[in-house]
Amino acid sequence: MAVVARLDTKRLDRILEAFPEKSDATVRAGAEAVLGRAVTLAPVDTGALKNSIHAYSAGKLRWEVSDGVEYGIYQEFGTSRHRAQPFMRPASEWARPQWLRLWQELERQL
């Protein structure tokens, strides 16, 4: 049995249409919040992982936060020999309420 999810994006579409620049700034602010928190939470041995975390624009209304070391994924999820030391997922969860408040502020301005 397939699971079907339908999202009603009418409110978000109105915000994007009314405030295109502010919408992009809101997406960027979310990415920067995740970036800052991920850098704080990243485990440190040599500092390479922490120093490699960056945010960048990946297109209109799209920002990505990632690390630049090959072992970042293993730190995040662990391996059969090493426990996970998550930093990106907790950073995203930490930033979520702030980011939602920014969108709600834009919606109130409609």
PDB file of N, CA and C in Angstrom:
ATOM      1  N   MET A   1       0.838  -1.178   0.000  1.00  0.00           N
ATOM      2  CA  MET A   1       0.000   0.000   0.000  1.00  0.00           C
ATOM      3  C   MET A   1       0.885   1.244   0.000  1.00  0.00           C
ATOM      4  N   ALA A   2       0.656   2.128  -0.923  1.00  0.00           N
ATOM      5  CA  ALA A   2       1.458   3.345  -1.047  1.00  0.00           C
ATOM      6  C   ALA A   2       0.946   4.413  -0.085  1.00  0.00           C
ATOM      7  N   VAL A   3       1.865   5.171   0.424  1.00  0.00           N
ATOM      8  CA  VAL A   3       1.526   6.303   1.277  1.00  0.00           C
ATOM      9  C   VAL A   3       1.577   7.551   0.416  1.00  0.00           C
ATOM     10  N   VAL A   4       0.518   8.344   0.477  1.00  0.00           N
ATOM     11  CA  VAL A   4       0.445   9.554  -0.321  1.00  0.00           C
ATOM     12  C   VAL A   4       0.366  10.743   0.625  1.00  0.00           C
ATOM     13  N   ALA A   5       1.209  11.720   0.397  1.00  0.00           N
ATOM     14  CA  ALA A   5       1.177  12.953   1.184  1.00  0.00           C
ATOM     15  C   ALA A   5       0.924  14.112   0.239  1.00  0.00           C
ATOM     16  N   ARG A   6      -0.030  14.931   0.602  1.00  0.00           N
ATOM     17  CA  ARG A   6      -0.323  16.118  -0.198  1.00  0.00           C
ATOM     18  C   ARG A   6      -0.018  17.337   0.652  1.00  0.00           C
ATOM     19  N   LEU A   7       0.681  18.270   0.065  1.00  0.00           N
ATOM     20  CA  LEU A   7       1.025  19.500   0.762  1.00  0.00           C
ATOM     21  C   LEU A   7       0.278  20.666   0.132  1.00  0.00           C
ATOM     22  N   ASP A   8      -0.329  21.469   0.963  1.00  0.00           N
ATOM     23  CA  ASP A   8      -0.988  22.675   0.483  1.00  0.00           C
ATOM     24  C   ASP A   8       0.010  23.816   0.628  1.00  0.00           C
ATOM     25  N   THR A   9       0.508  24.310  -0.476  1.00  0.00           N
ATOM     26  CA  THR A   9       1.551  25.346  -0.452  1.00  0.00           C
ATOM     27  C   THR A   9       1.006  26.736  -0.763  1.00  0.00           C
ATOM     28  N   LYS A  10      -0.302  26.918  -0.707  1.00  0.00           N
ATOM     29  CA  LYS A  10      -0.892  28.210  -1.078  1.00  0.00           C
ATOM     30  C   LYS A  10      -0.341  29.357  -0.242  1.00  0.00           C
ATOM     31  N   ARG A  11      -0.233  29.165   1.054  1.00  0.00           N
ATOM     32  CA  ARG A  11       0.276  30.236   1.923  1.00  0.00           C
ATOM     33  C   ARG A  11       1.727  30.560   1.584  1.00  0.00           C
ATOM     34  N   LEU A  12       2.528  29.525   1.426  1.00  0.00           N
ATOM     35  CA  LEU A  12       3.929  29.741   1.081  1.00  0.00           C
ATOM     36  C   LEU A  12       4.055  30.398  -0.284  1.00  0.00           C
ATOM     37  N   ASP A  13       3.259  29.973  -1.234  1.00  0.00           N
ATOM     38  CA  ASP A  13       3.295  30.582  -2.569  1.00  0.00           C
ATOM     39  C   ASP A  13       2.977  32.072  -2.504  1.00  0.00           C
ATOM     40  N   ARG A  14       2.007  32.455  -1.666  1.00  0.00           N
ATOM     41  CA  ARG A  14       1.679  33.880  -1.513  1.00  0.00           C
ATOM     42  C   ARG A  14       2.846  34.659  -0.926  1.00  0.00           C
ATOM     43  N   ILE A  15       3.522  34.075   0.052  1.00  0.00           N
ATOM     44  CA  ILE A  15       4.684  34.739   0.657  1.00  0.00           C
ATOM     45  C   ILE A  15       5.781  34.922  -0.383  1.00  0.00           C
ATOM     46  N   LEU A  16       6.083  33.870  -1.133  1.00  0.00           N
ATOM     47  CA  LEU A  16       7.147  33.936  -2.141  1.00  0.00           C
ATOM     48  C   LEU A  16       6.839  34.980  -3.201  1.00  0.00           C
ATOM     49  N   GLU A  17       5.578  35.095  -3.574  1.00  0.00           N
ATOM     50  CA  GLU A  17       5.195  36.072  -4.588  1.00  0.00           C
ATOM     51  C   GLU A  17       5.263  37.500  -4.041  1.00  0.00           C
ATOM     52  N   ALA A  18       4.832  37.692  -2.813  1.00  0.00           N
ATOM     53  CA  ALA A  18       4.794  39.032  -2.226  1.00  0.00           C
ATOM     54  C   ALA A  18       6.174  39.523  -1.796  1.00  0.00           C
ATOM     55  N   PHE A  19       7.019  38.618  -1.345  1.00  0.00           N
ATOM     56  CA  PHE A  19       8.314  39.000  -0.780  1.00  0.00           C
ATOM     57  C   PHE A  19       9.453  38.155  -1.356  1.00  0.00           C
ATOM     58  N   PRO A  20       9.760  38.261  -2.639  1.00  0.00           N
ATOM     59  CA  PRO A  20      10.801  37.388  -3.202  1.00  0.00           C
ATOM     60  C   PRO A  20      12.180  37.600  -2.563  1.00  0.00           C
ATOM     61  N   GLU A  21      12.564  38.835  -2.322  1.00  0.00           N
ATOM     62  CA  GLU A  21      13.889  39.089  -1.737  1.00  0.00           C
ATOM     63  C   GLU A  21      13.939  38.635  -0.283  1.00  0.00           C
ATOM     64  N   LYS A  22      12.875  38.935   0.461  1.00  0.00           N
ATOM     65  CA  LYS A  22      12.835  38.522   1.864  1.00  0.00           C
ATOM     66  C   LYS A  22      12.768  37.001   1.984  1.00  0.00           C
ATOM     67  N   SER A  23      12.107  36.363   1.036  1.00  0.00           N
ATOM     68  CA  SER A  23      12.038  34.900   1.054  1.00  0.00           C
ATOM     69  C   SER A  23      13.422  34.297   0.867  1.00  0.00           C
ATOM     70  N   ASP A  24      14.172  34.831  -0.083  1.00  0.00           N
ATOM     71  CA  ASP A  24      15.531  34.337  -0.295  1.00  0.00           C
ATOM     72  C   ASP A  24      16.391  34.589   0.934  1.00  0.00           C
ATOM     73  N   ALA A  25      16.217  35.759   1.549  1.00  0.00           N
ATOM     74  CA  ALA A  25      16.976  36.074   2.764  1.00  0.00           C
ATOM     75  C   ALA A  25      16.603  35.123   3.899  1.00  0.00           C
ATOM     76  N   THR A  26      15.358  34.713   3.949  1.00  0.00           N
ATOM     77  CA  THR A  26      14.904  33.786   4.986  1.00  0.00           C
ATOM     78  C   THR A  26      15.514  32.405   4.785  1.00  0.00           C
ATOM     79  N   VAL A  27      15.564  31.953   3.541  1.00  0.00           N
ATOM     80  CA  VAL A  27      16.203  30.662   3.255  1.00  0.00           C
ATOM     81  C   VAL A  27      17.683  30.733   3.625  1.00  0.00           C
ATOM     82  N   ARG A  28      18.329  31.831   3.254  1.00  0.00           N
ATOM     83  CA  ARG A  28      19.748  32.009   3.585  1.00  0.00           C
ATOM     84  C   ARG A  28      19.967  32.043   5.097  1.00  0.00           C
ATOM     85  N   ALA A  29      19.096  32.748   5.810  1.00  0.00           N
ATOM     86  CA  ALA A  29      19.225  32.822   7.270  1.00  0.00           C
ATOM     87  C   ALA A  29      19.115  31.439   7.899  1.00  0.00           C
ATOM     88  N   GLY A  30      18.236  30.616   7.360  1.00  0.00           N
ATOM     89  CA  GLY A  30      18.123  29.250   7.872  1.00  0.00           C
ATOM     90  C   GLY A  30      19.402  28.467   7.666  1.00  0.00           C
ATOM     91  N   ALA A  31      19.976  28.596   6.481  1.00  0.00           N
ATOM     92  CA  ALA A  31      21.233  27.899   6.187  1.00  0.00           C
ATOM     93  C   ALA A  31      22.354  28.398   7.088  1.00  0.00           C
ATOM     94  N   GLU A  32      22.408  29.700   7.294  1.00  0.00           N
ATOM     95  CA  GLU A  32      23.465  30.255   8.147  1.00  0.00           C
ATOM     96  C   GLU A  32      23.305  29.823   9.600  1.00  0.00           C
ATOM     97  N   ALA A  33      22.054  29.684  10.059  1.00  0.00           N
ATOM     98  CA  ALA A  33      21.827  29.198  11.423  1.00  0.00           C
ATOM     99  C   ALA A  33      22.299  27.756  11.559  1.00  0.00           C
ATOM    100  N   VAL A  34      21.977  26.921  10.568  1.00  0.00           N
ATOM    101  CA  VAL A  34      22.433  25.524  10.588  1.00  0.00           C
ATOM    102  C   VAL A  34      23.961  25.489  10.545  1.00  0.00           C
ATOM    103  N   LEU A  35      24.552  26.292   9.687  1.00  0.00           N
ATOM    104  CA  LEU A  35      26.012  26.350   9.575  1.00  0.00           C
ATOM    105  C   LEU A  35      26.656  26.672  10.921  1.00  0.00           C
ATOM    106  N   GLY A  36      26.189  27.736  11.547  1.00  0.00           N
ATOM    107  CA  GLY A  36      26.790  28.154  12.816  1.00  0.00           C
ATOM    108  C   GLY A  36      26.689  27.081  13.880  1.00  0.00           C
ATOM    109  N   ARG A  37      25.529  26.461  13.967  1.00  0.00           N
ATOM    110  CA  ARG A  37      25.337  25.422  14.984  1.00  0.00           C
ATOM    111  C   ARG A  37      26.135  24.166  14.650  1.00  0.00           C
ATOM    112  N   ALA A  38      26.197  23.784  13.378  1.00  0.00           N
ATOM    113  CA  ALA A  38      26.961  22.593  12.981  1.00  0.00           C
ATOM    114  C   ALA A  38      28.436  22.763  13.305  1.00  0.00           C
ATOM    115  N   VAL A  39      28.953  23.958  13.073  1.00  0.00           N
ATOM    116  CA  VAL A  39      30.367  24.224  13.402  1.00  0.00           C
ATOM    117  C   VAL A  39      30.586  24.073  14.903  1.00  0.00           C
ATOM    118  N   THR A  40      29.633  24.530  15.690  1.00  0.00           N
ATOM    119  CA  THR A  40      29.739  24.411  17.150  1.00  0.00           C
ATOM    120  C   THR A  40      29.681  22.956  17.603  1.00  0.00           C
ATOM    121  N   LEU A  41      28.836  22.155  16.956  1.00  0.00           N
ATOM    122  CA  LEU A  41      28.621  20.771  17.382  1.00  0.00           C
ATOM    123  C   LEU A  41      29.595  19.762  16.781  1.00  0.00           C
ATOM    124  N   ALA A  42      30.296  20.128  15.731  1.00  0.00           N
ATOM    125  CA  ALA A  42      31.179  19.175  15.042  1.00  0.00           C
ATOM    126  C   ALA A  42      32.267  18.664  15.989  1.00  0.00           C
ATOM    127  N   PRO A  43      32.481  17.354  15.997  1.00  0.00           N
ATOM    128  CA  PRO A  43      33.565  16.809  16.821  1.00  0.00           C
ATOM    129  C   PRO A  43      34.910  17.287  16.286  1.00  0.00           C
ATOM    130  N   VAL A  44      35.846  17.484  17.215  1.00  0.00           N
ATOM    131  CA  VAL A  44      37.142  18.023  16.816  1.00  0.00           C
ATOM    132  C   VAL A  44      38.256  17.059  17.193  1.00  0.00           C
ATOM    133  N   ASP A  45      39.037  16.703  16.193  1.00  0.00           N
ATOM    134  CA  ASP A  45      40.284  15.973  16.410  1.00  0.00           C
ATOM    135  C   ASP A  45      41.378  16.878  15.862  1.00  0.00           C
ATOM    136  N   THR A  46      41.378  17.059  14.566  1.00  0.00           N
ATOM    137  CA  THR A  46      42.349  17.968  13.937  1.00  0.00           C
ATOM    138  C   THR A  46      41.731  19.328  13.623  1.00  0.00           C
ATOM    139  N   GLY A  47      40.390  19.404  13.626  1.00  0.00           N
ATOM    140  CA  GLY A  47      39.702  20.632  13.258  1.00  0.00           C
ATOM    141  C   GLY A  47      39.337  20.695  11.786  1.00  0.00           C
ATOM    142  N   ALA A  48      39.740  19.699  11.017  1.00  0.00           N
ATOM    143  CA  ALA A  48      39.467  19.711   9.575  1.00  0.00           C
ATOM    144  C   ALA A  48      37.970  19.660   9.287  1.00  0.00           C
ATOM    145  N   LEU A  49      37.236  18.833  10.008  1.00  0.00           N
ATOM    146  CA  LEU A  49      35.799  18.735   9.785  1.00  0.00           C
ATOM    147  C   LEU A  49      35.128  20.071  10.094  1.00  0.00           C
ATOM    148  N   LYS A  50      35.382  20.602  11.260  1.00  0.00           N
ATOM    149  CA  LYS A  50      34.788  21.868  11.680  1.00  0.00           C
ATOM    150  C   LYS A  50      35.104  22.977  10.675  1.00  0.00           C
ATOM    151  N   ASN A  51      36.327  23.037  10.218  1.00  0.00           N
ATOM    152  CA  ASN A  51      36.739  24.087   9.282  1.00  0.00           C
ATOM    153  C   ASN A  51      36.206  23.887   7.868  1.00  0.00           C
ATOM    154  N   SER A  52      35.718  22.685   7.579  1.00  0.00           N
ATOM    155  CA  SER A  52      35.240  22.419   6.221  1.00  0.00           C
ATOM    156  C   SER A  52      33.747  22.680   6.044  1.00  0.00           C
ATOM    157  N   ILE A  53      33.029  22.916   7.120  1.00  0.00           N
ATOM    158  CA  ILE A  53      31.579  23.104   7.033  1.00  0.00           C
ATOM    159  C   ILE A  53      31.300  24.464   6.400  1.00  0.00           C
ATOM    160  N   HIS A  54      30.433  24.465   5.404  1.00  0.00           N
ATOM    161  CA  HIS A  54      30.125  25.695   4.679  1.00  0.00           C
ATOM    162  C   HIS A  54      28.684  25.688   4.176  1.00  0.00           C
ATOM    163  N   ALA A  55      28.189  26.879   3.887  1.00  0.00           N
ATOM    164  CA  ALA A  55      26.849  27.040   3.299  1.00  0.00           C
ATOM    165  C   ALA A  55      27.024  27.748   1.973  1.00  0.00           C
ATOM    166  N   TYR A  56      26.194  27.367   1.012  1.00  0.00           N
ATOM    167  CA  TYR A  56      26.299  28.016  -0.300  1.00  0.00           C
ATOM    168  C   TYR A  56      24.945  27.996  -0.996  1.00  0.00           C
ATOM    169  N   SER A  57      24.757  28.965  -1.869  1.00  0.00           N
ATOM    170  CA  SER A  57      23.538  29.030  -2.650  1.00  0.00           C
ATOM    171  C   SER A  57      23.588  27.956  -3.727  1.00  0.00           C
ATOM    172  N   ALA A  58      22.502  27.195  -3.815  1.00  0.00           N
ATOM    173  CA  ALA A  58      22.414  26.130  -4.813  1.00  0.00           C
ATOM    174  C   ALA A  58      21.290  26.434  -5.803  1.00  0.00           C
ATOM    175  N   GLY A  59      20.954  27.703  -5.926  1.00  0.00           N
ATOM    176  CA  GLY A  59      19.898  28.118  -6.840  1.00  0.00           C
ATOM    177  C   GLY A  59      18.904  29.020  -6.153  1.00  0.00           C
ATOM    178  N   LYS A  60      17.901  29.426  -6.901  1.00  0.00           N
ATOM    179  CA  LYS A  60      16.881  30.317  -6.370  1.00  0.00           C
ATOM    180  C   LYS A  60      16.161  29.651  -5.193  1.00  0.00           C
ATOM    181  N   LEU A  61      16.151  30.338  -4.068  1.00  0.00           N
ATOM    182  CA  LEU A  61      15.500  29.852  -2.845  1.00  0.00           C
ATOM    183  C   LEU A  61      16.040  28.503  -2.385  1.00  0.00           C
ATOM    184  N   ARG A  62      17.307  28.244  -2.663  1.00  0.00           N
ATOM    185  CA  ARG A  62      17.898  26.964  -2.259  1.00  0.00           C
ATOM    186  C   ARG A  62      19.308  27.194  -1.750  1.00  0.00           C
ATOM    187  N   TRP A  63      19.518  26.846  -0.501  1.00  0.00           N
ATOM    188  CA  TRP A  63      20.830  26.911   0.122  1.00  0.00           C
ATOM    189  C   TRP A  63      21.150  25.536   0.677  1.00  0.00           C
ATOM    190  N   GLU A  64      22.412  25.185   0.654  1.00  0.00           N
ATOM    191  CA  GLU A  64      22.841  23.899   1.193  1.00  0.00           C
ATOM    192  C   GLU A  64      23.961  24.118   2.199  1.00  0.00           C
ATOM    193  N   VAL A  65      23.974  23.281   3.202  1.00  0.00           N
ATOM    194  CA  VAL A  65      25.031  23.283   4.212  1.00  0.00           C
ATOM    195  C   VAL A  65      25.665  21.909   4.162  1.00  0.00           C
ATOM    196  N   SER A  66      26.971  21.865   4.021  1.00  0.00           N
ATOM    197  CA  SER A  66      27.645  20.568   3.949  1.00  0.00           C
ATOM    198  C   SER A  66      29.055  20.688   4.511  1.00  0.00           C
ATOM    199  N   ASP A  67      29.646  19.523   4.717  1.00  0.00           N
ATOM    200  CA  ASP A  67      31.050  19.518   5.123  1.00  0.00           C
ATOM    201  C   ASP A  67      31.887  19.131   3.905  1.00  0.00           C
ATOM    202  N   GLY A  68      33.162  19.411   3.981  1.00  0.00           N
ATOM    203  CA  GLY A  68      34.034  19.169   2.841  1.00  0.00           C
ATOM    204  C   GLY A  68      35.078  18.103   3.079  1.00  0.00           C
ATOM    205  N   VAL A  69      34.810  17.207   4.005  1.00  0.00           N
ATOM    206  CA  VAL A  69      35.754  16.112   4.246  1.00  0.00           C
ATOM    207  C   VAL A  69      35.060  14.788   3.955  1.00  0.00           C
ATOM    208  N   GLU A  70      35.818  13.823   3.510  1.00  0.00           N
ATOM    209  CA  GLU A  70      35.227  12.551   3.103  1.00  0.00           C
ATOM    210  C   GLU A  70      34.665  11.753   4.280  1.00  0.00           C
ATOM    211  N   TYR A  71      35.097  12.048   5.493  1.00  0.00           N
ATOM    212  CA  TYR A  71      34.651  11.254   6.634  1.00  0.00           C
ATOM    213  C   TYR A  71      33.505  11.907   7.410  1.00  0.00           C
ATOM    214  N   GLY A  72      33.006  13.041   6.956  1.00  0.00           N
ATOM    215  CA  GLY A  72      31.922  13.724   7.660  1.00  0.00           C
ATOM    216  C   GLY A  72      30.683  12.849   7.823  1.00  0.00           C
ATOM    217  N   ILE A  73      30.363  12.106   6.798  1.00  0.00           N
ATOM    218  CA  ILE A  73      29.189  11.225   6.844  1.00  0.00           C
ATOM    219  C   ILE A  73      29.344  10.154   7.916  1.00  0.00           C
ATOM    220  N   TYR A  74      30.567   9.675   8.116  1.00  0.00           N
ATOM    221  CA  TYR A  74      30.810   8.651   9.129  1.00  0.00           C
ATOM    222  C   TYR A  74      30.735   9.240  10.533  1.00  0.00           C
ATOM    223  N   GLN A  75      31.126  10.494  10.678  1.00  0.00           N
ATOM    224  CA  GLN A  75      30.974  11.168  11.972  1.00  0.00           C
ATOM    225  C   GLN A  75      29.484  11.324  12.290  1.00  0.00           C
ATOM    226  N   GLU A  76      28.726  11.708  11.280  1.00  0.00           N
ATOM    227  CA  GLU A  76      27.302  11.962  11.475  1.00  0.00           C
ATOM    228  C   GLU A  76      26.529  10.686  11.826  1.00  0.00           C
ATOM    229  N   PHE A  77      26.787   9.600  11.110  1.00  0.00           N
ATOM    230  CA  PHE A  77      25.987   8.392  11.273  1.00  0.00           C
ATOM    231  C   PHE A  77      26.701   7.230  11.956  1.00  0.00           C
ATOM    232  N   GLY A  78      28.018   7.324  12.115  1.00  0.00           N
ATOM    233  CA  GLY A  78      28.768   6.254  12.750  1.00  0.00           C
ATOM    234  C   GLY A  78      29.099   5.134  11.774  1.00  0.00           C
ATOM    235  N   THR A  79      29.865   4.187  12.248  1.00  0.00           N
ATOM    236  CA  THR A  79      30.244   3.015  11.461  1.00  0.00           C
ATOM    237  C   THR A  79      30.096   1.792  12.362  1.00  0.00           C
ATOM    238  N   SER A  80      30.456   0.645  11.842  1.00  0.00           N
ATOM    239  CA  SER A  80      30.387  -0.564  12.666  1.00  0.00           C
ATOM    240  C   SER A  80      31.432  -0.519  13.783  1.00  0.00           C
ATOM    241  N   ARG A  81      32.432   0.329  13.638  1.00  0.00           N
ATOM    242  CA  ARG A  81      33.505   0.392  14.638  1.00  0.00           C
ATOM    243  C   ARG A  81      33.508   1.667  15.483  1.00  0.00           C
ATOM    244  N   HIS A  82      32.783   2.682  15.038  1.00  0.00           N
ATOM    245  CA  HIS A  82      32.793   3.967  15.758  1.00  0.00           C
ATOM    246  C   HIS A  82      31.365   4.474  15.913  1.00  0.00           C
ATOM    247  N   ARG A  83      31.084   4.989  17.087  1.00  0.00           N
ATOM    248  CA  ARG A  83      29.748   5.520  17.341  1.00  0.00           C
ATOM    249  C   ARG A  83      29.541   6.820  16.565  1.00  0.00           C
ATOM    250  N   ALA A  84      28.295   7.097  16.289  1.00  0.00           N
ATOM    251  CA  ALA A  84      27.939   8.339  15.597  1.00  0.00           C
ATOM    252  C   ALA A  84      28.194   9.538  16.511  1.00  0.00           C
ATOM    253  N   GLN A  85      28.631  10.627  15.911  1.00  0.00           N
ATOM    254  CA  GLN A  85      28.780  11.905  16.604  1.00  0.00           C
ATOM    255  C   GLN A  85      28.061  12.958  15.752  1.00  0.00           C
ATOM    256  N   PRO A  86      26.729  12.906  15.758  1.00  0.00           N
ATOM    257  CA  PRO A  86      25.966  13.777  14.866  1.00  0.00           C
ATOM    258  C   PRO A  86      26.202  15.253  15.146  1.00  0.00           C
ATOM    259  N   PHE A  87      26.272  16.008  14.087  1.00  0.00           N
ATOM    260  CA  PHE A  87      26.429  17.457  14.209  1.00  0.00           C
ATOM    261  C   PHE A  87      25.512  18.192  13.233  1.00  0.00           C
ATOM    262  N   MET A  88      25.264  17.635  12.050  1.00  0.00           N
ATOM    263  CA  MET A  88      24.450  18.313  11.054  1.00  0.00           C
ATOM    264  C   MET A  88      22.959  18.180  11.357  1.00  0.00           C
ATOM    265  N   ARG A  89      22.514  16.977  11.678  1.00  0.00           N
ATOM    266  CA  ARG A  89      21.087  16.795  11.998  1.00  0.00           C
ATOM    267  C   ARG A  89      20.681  17.575  13.241  1.00  0.00           C
ATOM    268  N   PRO A  90      21.444  17.522  14.329  1.00  0.00           N
ATOM    269  CA  PRO A  90      21.057  18.330  15.488  1.00  0.00           C
ATOM    270  C   PRO A  90      21.083  19.832  15.188  1.00  0.00           C
ATOM    271  N   ALA A  91      22.004  20.254  14.336  1.00  0.00           N
ATOM    272  CA  ALA A  91      22.050  21.673  13.964  1.00  0.00           C
ATOM    273  C   ALA A  91      20.791  22.067  13.205  1.00  0.00           C
ATOM    274  N   SER A  92      20.336  21.201  12.321  1.00  0.00           N
ATOM    275  CA  SER A  92      19.105  21.471  11.561  1.00  0.00           C
ATOM    276  C   SER A  92      17.898  21.537  12.479  1.00  0.00           C
ATOM    277  N   GLU A  93      17.813  20.610  13.404  1.00  0.00           N
ATOM    278  CA  GLU A  93      16.686  20.602  14.344  1.00  0.00           C
ATOM    279  C   GLU A  93      16.720  21.826  15.246  1.00  0.00           C
ATOM    280  N   TRP A  94      17.897  22.250  15.642  1.00  0.00           N
ATOM    281  CA  TRP A  94      18.040  23.436  16.485  1.00  0.00           C
ATOM    282  C   TRP A  94      17.584  24.688  15.744  1.00  0.00           C
ATOM    283  N   ALA A  95      17.901  24.789  14.464  1.00  0.00           N
ATOM    284  CA  ALA A  95      17.586  25.992  13.680  1.00  0.00           C
ATOM    285  C   ALA A  95      16.126  26.035  13.233  1.00  0.00           C
ATOM    286  N   ARG A  96      15.458  24.907  13.185  1.00  0.00           N
ATOM    287  CA  ARG A  96      14.099  24.843  12.648  1.00  0.00           C
ATOM    288  C   ARG A  96      13.128  25.840  13.288  1.00  0.00           C
ATOM    289  N   PRO A  97      13.015  25.927  14.619  1.00  0.00           N
ATOM    290  CA  PRO A  97      12.038  26.857  15.194  1.00  0.00           C
ATOM    291  C   PRO A  97      12.316  28.323  14.830  1.00  0.00           C
ATOM    292  N   GLN A  98      13.584  28.693  14.786  1.00  0.00           N
ATOM    293  CA  GLN A  98      13.932  30.064  14.402  1.00  0.00           C
ATOM    294  C   GLN A  98      13.519  30.344  12.965  1.00  0.00           C
ATOM    295  N   TRP A  99      13.782  29.384  12.107  1.00  0.00           N
ATOM    296  CA  TRP A  99      13.475  29.524  10.688  1.00  0.00           C
ATOM    297  C   TRP A  99      11.971  29.618  10.473  1.00  0.00           C
ATOM    298  N   LEU A 100      11.205  28.798  11.179  1.00  0.00           N
ATOM    299  CA  LEU A 100       9.751  28.852  11.077  1.00  0.00           C
ATOM    300  C   LEU A 100       9.213  30.199  11.537  1.00  0.00           C
ATOM    301  N   ARG A 101       9.807  30.753  12.587  1.00  0.00           N
ATOM    302  CA  ARG A 101       9.378  32.078  13.051  1.00  0.00           C
ATOM    303  C   ARG A 101       9.607  33.138  11.983  1.00  0.00           C
ATOM    304  N   LEU A 102      10.707  33.044  11.248  1.00  0.00           N
ATOM    305  CA  LEU A 102      10.967  34.011  10.168  1.00  0.00           C
ATOM    306  C   LEU A 102       9.893  33.921   9.091  1.00  0.00           C
ATOM    307  N   TRP A 103       9.494  32.706   8.719  1.00  0.00           N
ATOM    308  CA  TRP A 103       8.433  32.535   7.724  1.00  0.00           C
ATOM    309  C   TRP A 103       7.104  33.046   8.252  1.00  0.00           C
ATOM    310  N   GLN A 104       6.837  32.812   9.528  1.00  0.00           N
ATOM    311  CA  GLN A 104       5.587  33.286  10.122  1.00  0.00           C
ATOM    312  C   GLN A 104       5.535  34.814  10.152  1.00  0.00           C
ATOM    313  N   GLU A 105       6.677  35.454  10.387  1.00  0.00           N
ATOM    314  CA  GLU A 105       6.735  36.918  10.338  1.00  0.00           C
ATOM    315  C   GLU A 105       6.386  37.430   8.945  1.00  0.00           C
ATOM    316  N   LEU A 106       6.912  36.780   7.927  1.00  0.00           N
ATOM    317  CA  LEU A 106       6.580  37.174   6.550  1.00  0.00           C
ATOM    318  C   LEU A 106       5.090  36.975   6.283  1.00  0.00           C
ATOM    319  N   GLU A 107       4.545  35.881   6.768  1.00  0.00           N
ATOM    320  CA  GLU A 107       3.125  35.621   6.542  1.00  0.00           C
ATOM    321  C   GLU A 107       2.258  36.691   7.216  1.00  0.00           C
ATOM    322  N   ARG A 108       2.645  37.142   8.389  1.00  0.00           N
ATOM    323  CA  ARG A 108       1.884  38.192   9.071  1.00  0.00           C
ATOM    324  C   ARG A 108       1.899  39.511   8.306  1.00  0.00           C
ATOM    325  N   GLN A 109       2.917  39.706   7.485  1.00  0.00           N
ATOM    326  CA  GLN A 109       3.030  40.946   6.705  1.00  0.00           C
ATOM    327  C   GLN A 109       2.153  40.941   5.445  1.00  0.00           C
ATOM    328  N   LEU A 110       1.565  39.811   5.121  1.00  0.00           N
ATOM    329  CA  LEU A 110       0.707  39.741   3.922  1.00  0.00           C
ATOM    330  C   LEU A 110      -0.522  40.606   4.082  1.00  0.00           C
TER     331      LEU A 110
END
